[in-house]
Amino acid sequence: MPVTEEVSASHIGSGTVLVLATPMMILLMERTCRLSVKPFLADNEETVGTHVNVSHCAAVPVGRTVRCETEIIDLDRRRIVFKVAVYDGDTLVGEGQHERFVINIDKFREKLGNFD
């Protein structure tokens, strides 16, 4: 993911400098986890994030590119726990765990009622 002004702490309001914002790093982690298992789900299934426990270890200035690596470390029926890490080249930017649950999209929307 390119680190642009749009994903900077200054732009989203989580800080005042032009570096990768922690919420945007977490978004990259969640998105990467979701996309890594999507091919293995049925057409009417999706995953939703339920827990994030990460550390933001290094600042990344605008103009750099980061990548996210994921590994499934626990799978219990519909619960998937990932080890996640974000890198700027060889530099560790963030790491931790992210948990997602597999849901049936129709049932999930039904539970939401008018909030969909």
N, C-alpha and C. Protein backbone atom coordinates (compact mmCIF):
# COMPACT_ATOMS: atom_id res chain seq x y z
N MET A 1 0.85 -1.16 0.00
CA MET A 1 0.00 0.00 0.00
C MET A 1 0.90 1.24 0.00
N PRO A 2 0.67 2.13 -0.91
CA PRO A 2 1.43 3.38 -0.89
C PRO A 2 1.02 4.23 0.31
N VAL A 3 2.00 4.81 0.97
CA VAL A 3 1.71 5.73 2.07
C VAL A 3 1.57 7.12 1.46
N THR A 4 0.32 7.53 1.34
CA THR A 4 -0.01 8.82 0.74
C THR A 4 -0.51 9.77 1.83
N GLU A 5 -0.69 11.01 1.47
CA GLU A 5 -1.22 11.98 2.43
C GLU A 5 -2.59 11.54 2.95
N GLU A 6 -3.39 10.88 2.11
CA GLU A 6 -4.73 10.44 2.50
C GLU A 6 -4.74 9.41 3.62
N VAL A 7 -3.65 8.67 3.79
CA VAL A 7 -3.58 7.67 4.87
C VAL A 7 -2.66 8.12 6.00
N SER A 8 -2.34 9.41 6.00
CA SER A 8 -1.45 9.94 7.03
C SER A 8 -2.21 10.33 8.29
N ALA A 9 -1.48 10.34 9.38
CA ALA A 9 -2.06 10.76 10.67
C ALA A 9 -2.58 12.18 10.58
N SER A 10 -1.87 13.04 9.90
CA SER A 10 -2.29 14.43 9.76
C SER A 10 -3.62 14.54 9.03
N HIS A 11 -3.78 13.77 7.98
CA HIS A 11 -4.99 13.85 7.16
C HIS A 11 -6.22 13.30 7.88
N ILE A 12 -6.09 12.18 8.57
CA ILE A 12 -7.28 11.58 9.18
C ILE A 12 -7.55 12.08 10.60
N GLY A 13 -6.62 12.86 11.13
CA GLY A 13 -6.86 13.48 12.43
C GLY A 13 -6.37 12.69 13.63
N SER A 14 -5.57 11.65 13.39
CA SER A 14 -5.06 10.88 14.54
C SER A 14 -3.69 11.39 14.99
N GLY A 15 -3.22 12.43 14.36
CA GLY A 15 -1.93 13.04 14.70
C GLY A 15 -1.73 14.27 13.84
N THR A 16 -0.52 14.80 13.86
CA THR A 16 -0.26 16.04 13.12
C THR A 16 0.87 15.92 12.11
N VAL A 17 1.41 14.71 11.92
CA VAL A 17 2.54 14.55 11.00
C VAL A 17 2.15 13.68 9.81
N LEU A 18 2.93 13.81 8.75
CA LEU A 18 2.66 13.07 7.51
C LEU A 18 3.34 11.70 7.54
N VAL A 19 2.81 10.83 8.39
CA VAL A 19 3.27 9.44 8.49
C VAL A 19 2.04 8.54 8.45
N LEU A 20 2.25 7.26 8.16
CA LEU A 20 1.16 6.29 8.14
C LEU A 20 0.42 6.32 9.47
N ALA A 21 -0.88 6.56 9.42
CA ALA A 21 -1.71 6.59 10.62
C ALA A 21 -1.95 5.18 11.13
N THR A 22 -1.97 5.04 12.44
CA THR A 22 -2.22 3.73 13.04
C THR A 22 -3.56 3.14 12.58
N PRO A 23 -4.66 3.91 12.54
CA PRO A 23 -5.91 3.32 12.06
C PRO A 23 -5.82 2.82 10.61
N MET A 24 -5.03 3.47 9.80
CA MET A 24 -4.88 3.02 8.41
C MET A 24 -4.01 1.77 8.32
N MET A 25 -3.04 1.64 9.22
CA MET A 25 -2.25 0.41 9.28
C MET A 25 -3.15 -0.76 9.68
N ILE A 26 -4.04 -0.51 10.65
CA ILE A 26 -4.97 -1.55 11.08
C ILE A 26 -5.93 -1.91 9.95
N LEU A 27 -6.38 -0.92 9.20
CA LEU A 27 -7.24 -1.19 8.03
C LEU A 27 -6.52 -2.11 7.04
N LEU A 28 -5.26 -1.84 6.77
CA LEU A 28 -4.48 -2.70 5.88
C LEU A 28 -4.41 -4.12 6.42
N MET A 29 -4.19 -4.26 7.72
CA MET A 29 -4.13 -5.59 8.33
C MET A 29 -5.46 -6.32 8.19
N GLU A 30 -6.56 -5.64 8.52
CA GLU A 30 -7.88 -6.26 8.43
C GLU A 30 -8.20 -6.65 6.99
N ARG A 31 -7.94 -5.75 6.06
CA ARG A 31 -8.24 -6.01 4.64
C ARG A 31 -7.43 -7.20 4.14
N THR A 32 -6.16 -7.25 4.50
CA THR A 32 -5.30 -8.34 4.03
C THR A 32 -5.78 -9.68 4.59
N CYS A 33 -6.15 -9.70 5.87
CA CYS A 33 -6.68 -10.94 6.46
C CYS A 33 -7.96 -11.37 5.74
N ARG A 34 -8.87 -10.42 5.55
CA ARG A 34 -10.15 -10.72 4.89
C ARG A 34 -9.92 -11.30 3.49
N LEU A 35 -9.09 -10.64 2.71
CA LEU A 35 -8.87 -11.09 1.34
C LEU A 35 -8.12 -12.41 1.28
N SER A 36 -7.32 -12.71 2.29
CA SER A 36 -6.54 -13.96 2.27
C SER A 36 -7.42 -15.20 2.42
N VAL A 37 -8.59 -15.07 3.06
CA VAL A 37 -9.47 -16.23 3.23
C VAL A 37 -10.70 -16.19 2.33
N LYS A 38 -10.96 -15.06 1.70
CA LYS A 38 -12.15 -14.91 0.85
C LYS A 38 -12.29 -16.02 -0.20
N PRO A 39 -11.22 -16.44 -0.87
CA PRO A 39 -11.37 -17.51 -1.88
C PRO A 39 -11.85 -18.84 -1.32
N PHE A 40 -11.75 -19.04 -0.02
CA PHE A 40 -12.12 -20.31 0.60
C PHE A 40 -13.54 -20.29 1.18
N LEU A 41 -14.23 -19.17 1.04
CA LEU A 41 -15.58 -19.04 1.58
C LEU A 41 -16.63 -19.31 0.51
N ALA A 42 -17.81 -19.72 0.95
CA ALA A 42 -18.93 -19.88 0.03
C ALA A 42 -19.39 -18.50 -0.45
N ASP A 43 -20.16 -18.49 -1.53
CA ASP A 43 -20.64 -17.22 -2.09
C ASP A 43 -21.45 -16.40 -1.09
N ASN A 44 -22.14 -17.06 -0.18
CA ASN A 44 -22.99 -16.34 0.78
C ASN A 44 -22.28 -16.12 2.13
N GLU A 45 -20.95 -16.25 2.14
CA GLU A 45 -20.19 -16.05 3.36
C GLU A 45 -19.22 -14.88 3.23
N GLU A 46 -18.91 -14.31 4.36
CA GLU A 46 -17.95 -13.21 4.48
C GLU A 46 -17.31 -13.33 5.85
N THR A 47 -16.27 -12.56 6.11
CA THR A 47 -15.71 -12.50 7.45
C THR A 47 -15.87 -11.09 7.99
N VAL A 48 -16.02 -11.00 9.31
CA VAL A 48 -16.09 -9.71 9.98
C VAL A 48 -15.03 -9.67 11.07
N GLY A 49 -14.41 -8.53 11.22
CA GLY A 49 -13.40 -8.37 12.26
C GLY A 49 -14.05 -8.26 13.62
N THR A 50 -13.45 -8.93 14.61
CA THR A 50 -14.00 -8.91 15.97
C THR A 50 -12.99 -8.50 17.03
N HIS A 51 -11.70 -8.57 16.71
CA HIS A 51 -10.70 -8.20 17.71
C HIS A 51 -9.40 -7.83 17.00
N VAL A 52 -8.77 -6.78 17.50
CA VAL A 52 -7.47 -6.34 17.00
C VAL A 52 -6.57 -6.08 18.20
N ASN A 53 -5.37 -6.64 18.17
CA ASN A 53 -4.38 -6.40 19.21
C ASN A 53 -3.03 -6.23 18.53
N VAL A 54 -2.67 -4.99 18.24
CA VAL A 54 -1.45 -4.73 17.47
C VAL A 54 -0.63 -3.61 18.10
N SER A 55 0.63 -3.60 17.74
CA SER A 55 1.55 -2.53 18.12
C SER A 55 2.02 -1.84 16.85
N HIS A 56 2.11 -0.52 16.91
CA HIS A 56 2.66 0.27 15.81
C HIS A 56 4.09 0.61 16.22
N CYS A 57 5.05 -0.04 15.56
CA CYS A 57 6.45 -0.05 16.01
C CYS A 57 7.35 1.00 15.37
N ALA A 58 6.98 1.46 14.17
CA ALA A 58 7.86 2.39 13.46
C ALA A 58 7.04 3.33 12.58
N ALA A 59 7.51 4.55 12.49
CA ALA A 59 6.85 5.54 11.63
C ALA A 59 7.25 5.33 10.18
N VAL A 60 6.27 5.55 9.29
CA VAL A 60 6.53 5.44 7.86
C VAL A 60 6.10 6.75 7.20
N PRO A 61 7.03 7.50 6.62
CA PRO A 61 6.67 8.77 6.03
C PRO A 61 5.92 8.61 4.70
N VAL A 62 5.15 9.64 4.37
CA VAL A 62 4.48 9.69 3.07
C VAL A 62 5.53 9.51 1.98
N GLY A 63 5.18 8.74 0.96
CA GLY A 63 6.09 8.47 -0.15
C GLY A 63 6.65 7.06 -0.14
N ARG A 64 6.52 6.37 0.99
CA ARG A 64 7.00 5.00 1.09
C ARG A 64 5.86 4.04 0.73
N THR A 65 6.16 2.76 0.66
CA THR A 65 5.17 1.72 0.41
C THR A 65 5.31 0.66 1.48
N VAL A 66 4.18 0.24 2.05
CA VAL A 66 4.19 -0.81 3.06
C VAL A 66 3.48 -2.04 2.53
N ARG A 67 3.80 -3.18 3.12
CA ARG A 67 3.13 -4.44 2.77
C ARG A 67 2.71 -5.14 4.04
N CYS A 68 1.67 -5.96 3.93
CA CYS A 68 1.16 -6.69 5.08
C CYS A 68 1.29 -8.18 4.82
N GLU A 69 1.74 -8.90 5.83
CA GLU A 69 1.81 -10.36 5.77
C GLU A 69 0.92 -10.93 6.86
N THR A 70 0.20 -12.00 6.52
CA THR A 70 -0.69 -12.63 7.49
C THR A 70 -0.44 -14.13 7.53
N GLU A 71 -0.77 -14.71 8.67
CA GLU A 71 -0.67 -16.16 8.85
C GLU A 71 -1.79 -16.58 9.80
N ILE A 72 -2.53 -17.61 9.42
CA ILE A 72 -3.56 -18.13 10.32
C ILE A 72 -2.87 -18.92 11.42
N ILE A 73 -3.13 -18.53 12.67
CA ILE A 73 -2.49 -19.22 13.79
C ILE A 73 -3.50 -20.01 14.63
N ASP A 74 -4.80 -19.78 14.39
CA ASP A 74 -5.82 -20.56 15.09
C ASP A 74 -7.09 -20.54 14.25
N LEU A 75 -7.70 -21.70 14.14
CA LEU A 75 -8.95 -21.84 13.39
C LEU A 75 -9.86 -22.73 14.22
N ASP A 76 -10.98 -22.16 14.67
CA ASP A 76 -11.92 -22.89 15.51
C ASP A 76 -13.32 -22.66 14.95
N ARG A 77 -13.78 -23.60 14.18
CA ARG A 77 -15.07 -23.51 13.49
C ARG A 77 -15.13 -22.24 12.65
N ARG A 78 -15.85 -21.22 13.08
CA ARG A 78 -16.00 -20.00 12.30
C ARG A 78 -15.07 -18.87 12.75
N ARG A 79 -14.27 -19.12 13.75
CA ARG A 79 -13.34 -18.11 14.30
C ARG A 79 -11.95 -18.34 13.70
N ILE A 80 -11.37 -17.26 13.16
CA ILE A 80 -10.04 -17.33 12.56
C ILE A 80 -9.17 -16.29 13.26
N VAL A 81 -8.02 -16.72 13.76
CA VAL A 81 -7.07 -15.79 14.38
C VAL A 81 -5.83 -15.72 13.49
N PHE A 82 -5.44 -14.50 13.17
CA PHE A 82 -4.31 -14.25 12.30
C PHE A 82 -3.16 -13.61 13.07
N LYS A 83 -1.95 -13.97 12.71
CA LYS A 83 -0.76 -13.22 13.07
C LYS A 83 -0.58 -12.22 11.92
N VAL A 84 -0.39 -10.94 12.24
CA VAL A 84 -0.25 -9.92 11.21
C VAL A 84 1.03 -9.13 11.41
N ALA A 85 1.60 -8.69 10.31
CA ALA A 85 2.78 -7.83 10.37
C ALA A 85 2.80 -6.92 9.15
N VAL A 86 3.17 -5.68 9.37
CA VAL A 86 3.31 -4.70 8.29
C VAL A 86 4.78 -4.29 8.22
N TYR A 87 5.29 -4.21 6.99
CA TYR A 87 6.69 -3.89 6.77
C TYR A 87 6.84 -2.72 5.80
N ASP A 88 7.88 -1.94 6.03
CA ASP A 88 8.39 -0.94 5.10
C ASP A 88 9.76 -1.46 4.68
N GLY A 89 9.80 -2.13 3.53
CA GLY A 89 11.02 -2.84 3.17
C GLY A 89 11.25 -3.96 4.17
N ASP A 90 12.40 -3.95 4.83
CA ASP A 90 12.71 -4.96 5.85
C ASP A 90 12.37 -4.48 7.27
N THR A 91 11.91 -3.25 7.39
CA THR A 91 11.61 -2.67 8.70
C THR A 91 10.21 -3.04 9.16
N LEU A 92 10.11 -3.62 10.35
CA LEU A 92 8.82 -3.95 10.93
C LEU A 92 8.14 -2.66 11.36
N VAL A 93 6.94 -2.44 10.84
CA VAL A 93 6.17 -1.22 11.13
C VAL A 93 5.13 -1.50 12.21
N GLY A 94 4.47 -2.66 12.13
CA GLY A 94 3.44 -3.03 13.08
C GLY A 94 3.27 -4.53 13.10
N GLU A 95 2.80 -5.03 14.26
CA GLU A 95 2.60 -6.47 14.37
C GLU A 95 1.58 -6.76 15.45
N GLY A 96 1.02 -7.96 15.38
CA GLY A 96 0.07 -8.37 16.40
C GLY A 96 -0.84 -9.48 15.91
N GLN A 97 -2.08 -9.46 16.44
CA GLN A 97 -3.07 -10.47 16.08
C GLN A 97 -4.38 -9.80 15.71
N HIS A 98 -5.08 -10.46 14.81
CA HIS A 98 -6.40 -10.00 14.38
C HIS A 98 -7.32 -11.21 14.31
N GLU A 99 -8.53 -11.05 14.85
CA GLU A 99 -9.52 -12.13 14.86
C GLU A 99 -10.70 -11.76 13.97
N ARG A 100 -11.15 -12.74 13.19
CA ARG A 100 -12.31 -12.55 12.32
C ARG A 100 -13.24 -13.75 12.49
N PHE A 101 -14.52 -13.54 12.23
CA PHE A 101 -15.51 -14.61 12.26
C PHE A 101 -16.14 -14.74 10.89
N VAL A 102 -16.36 -15.97 10.47
CA VAL A 102 -17.07 -16.25 9.22
C VAL A 102 -18.56 -16.12 9.50
N ILE A 103 -19.23 -15.33 8.66
CA ILE A 103 -20.67 -15.13 8.82
C ILE A 103 -21.41 -15.49 7.54
N ASN A 104 -22.69 -15.83 7.69
CA ASN A 104 -23.59 -15.97 6.55
C ASN A 104 -24.13 -14.56 6.29
N ILE A 105 -23.89 -14.04 5.10
CA ILE A 105 -24.25 -12.65 4.79
C ILE A 105 -25.74 -12.40 4.96
N ASP A 106 -26.59 -13.30 4.47
CA ASP A 106 -28.05 -13.09 4.56
C ASP A 106 -28.52 -13.06 6.00
N LYS A 107 -28.04 -14.00 6.81
CA LYS A 107 -28.42 -14.05 8.22
C LYS A 107 -27.92 -12.81 8.97
N PHE A 108 -26.72 -12.37 8.63
CA PHE A 108 -26.14 -11.19 9.27
C PHE A 108 -26.98 -9.95 8.95
N ARG A 109 -27.33 -9.79 7.68
CA ARG A 109 -28.15 -8.64 7.27
C ARG A 109 -29.53 -8.69 7.93
N GLU A 110 -30.08 -9.89 8.03
CA GLU A 110 -31.39 -10.06 8.67
C GLU A 110 -31.34 -9.58 10.12
N LYS A 111 -30.27 -9.88 10.83
CA LYS A 111 -30.11 -9.45 12.21
C LYS A 111 -29.98 -7.93 12.33
N LEU A 112 -29.42 -7.30 11.29
CA LEU A 112 -29.24 -5.86 11.31
C LEU A 112 -30.56 -5.10 11.14
N GLY A 113 -31.54 -5.73 10.53
CA GLY A 113 -32.81 -5.05 10.29
C GLY A 113 -32.63 -3.87 9.36
N ASN A 114 -33.07 -2.72 9.79
CA ASN A 114 -33.03 -1.52 8.95
C ASN A 114 -31.68 -0.83 8.93
N PHE A 115 -30.70 -1.37 9.61
CA PHE A 115 -29.39 -0.72 9.67
C PHE A 115 -28.50 -1.10 8.50
N ASP A 116 -28.94 -1.97 7.62
CA ASP A 116 -28.12 -2.48 6.52
C ASP A 116 -27.84 -1.40 5.51
